[in-house]
Structures are given as C-alpha cells and as structure tokens.
Amino acid sequence: MIETIITIISVLLTVAFFTIAERKLLASIQRRRGPNVVGFWGTLQAFADGLKLLLKEVIVPIRAN
C-alpha cells in the first residue's frame, strides 16, 4: 500500500517537472515568456494544471447516447 502511494506520487511529480521543462523549452523556442512568473521557477504551474484537471467538471448532455 505504501509502496503504491510512493510510486504514484513520484510519477506525478516526474510528469509535473517534465511539463515544466517542456513549457520552458517551447517558450524559449518561440521567444516568449514561459511559466517563470508562477511560483519559484515555474514549479507551481504544473501543480495548478493538475489541480485544474482534477477539479474540472464533466458535463454530459441528458439525452446523449
């Protein structure tokens, strides 16, 4: 149980930091400001994206198949 939780948390943190690296790389390629303005070196941006994804409301039409 503990090993599973540690594995999940480590994978989520790894994905978050890869997202930061990707955004910074794309920002430098496109010569624009990256996620540097949120938190310390953009670290809060990935957590904000994850929180937004978790809290997103799923809307399903009533009469949809």
Protein backbone atom coordinates (compact mmCIF):
# COMPACT_ATOMS: atom_id res chain seq x y z
CA MET A 1 0.00 0.00 0.00
CA ILE A 2 2.69 2.49 0.99
CA GLU A 3 4.86 1.49 -1.98
CA THR A 4 1.94 2.13 -4.33
CA ILE A 5 1.31 5.58 -2.92
CA ILE A 6 5.00 6.48 -3.10
CA THR A 7 5.15 5.24 -6.71
CA ILE A 8 2.07 7.24 -7.73
CA ILE A 9 3.36 10.41 -6.07
CA SER A 10 6.79 10.06 -7.66
CA VAL A 11 5.28 9.51 -11.12
CA LEU A 12 3.04 12.56 -10.70
CA LEU A 13 5.97 14.72 -9.60
CA THR A 14 8.08 13.48 -12.51
CA VAL A 15 5.34 14.30 -15.01
CA ALA A 16 4.87 17.72 -13.42
CA PHE A 17 8.54 18.61 -13.78
CA PHE A 18 8.71 17.26 -17.32
CA THR A 19 5.75 19.52 -18.11
CA ILE A 20 7.65 22.49 -16.71
CA ALA A 21 10.73 21.61 -18.76
CA GLU A 22 8.64 21.22 -21.92
CA ARG A 23 6.94 24.57 -21.43
CA LYS A 24 10.22 26.34 -20.79
CA LEU A 25 11.78 24.76 -23.87
CA LEU A 26 8.82 25.71 -26.07
CA ALA A 27 8.82 29.23 -24.65
CA SER A 28 12.49 29.65 -25.49
CA ILE A 29 12.00 28.27 -28.99
CA GLN A 30 9.08 30.63 -29.61
CA ARG A 31 10.92 33.53 -27.92
CA ARG A 32 8.21 34.30 -25.42
CA ARG A 33 7.95 34.28 -21.65
CA GLY A 34 7.43 30.82 -20.19
CA PRO A 35 5.81 29.79 -16.93
CA ASN A 36 8.54 31.60 -14.96
CA VAL A 37 6.09 34.06 -13.47
CA VAL A 38 4.17 31.49 -11.40
CA GLY A 39 5.86 30.37 -8.19
CA PHE A 40 9.53 29.51 -7.91
CA TRP A 41 10.91 29.00 -11.43
CA GLY A 42 7.50 27.91 -12.68
CA THR A 43 7.06 24.98 -10.29
CA LEU A 44 3.55 25.97 -9.26
CA GLN A 45 2.32 25.98 -12.86
CA ALA A 46 2.37 22.18 -13.13
CA PHE A 47 0.56 21.77 -9.82
CA ALA A 48 -2.02 24.35 -10.88
CA ASP A 49 -2.59 22.41 -14.12
CA GLY A 50 -3.03 19.15 -12.20
CA LEU A 51 -5.45 20.75 -9.76
CA LYS A 52 -7.42 22.25 -12.65
CA LEU A 53 -7.60 18.83 -14.29
CA LEU A 54 -8.84 17.17 -11.09
CA LEU A 55 -11.48 19.82 -10.42
CA LYS A 56 -12.78 20.01 -13.98
CA GLU A 57 -16.49 19.38 -14.18
CA VAL A 58 -17.66 16.70 -16.60
CA ILE A 59 -20.76 17.82 -18.50
CA VAL A 60 -22.76 15.07 -20.19
CA PRO A 61 -25.91 16.00 -22.16
CA ILE A 62 -29.06 14.41 -20.78
CA ARG A 63 -30.21 12.72 -23.99
CA ALA A 64 -26.80 11.72 -25.32
CA ASN A 65 -26.08 8.14 -26.39
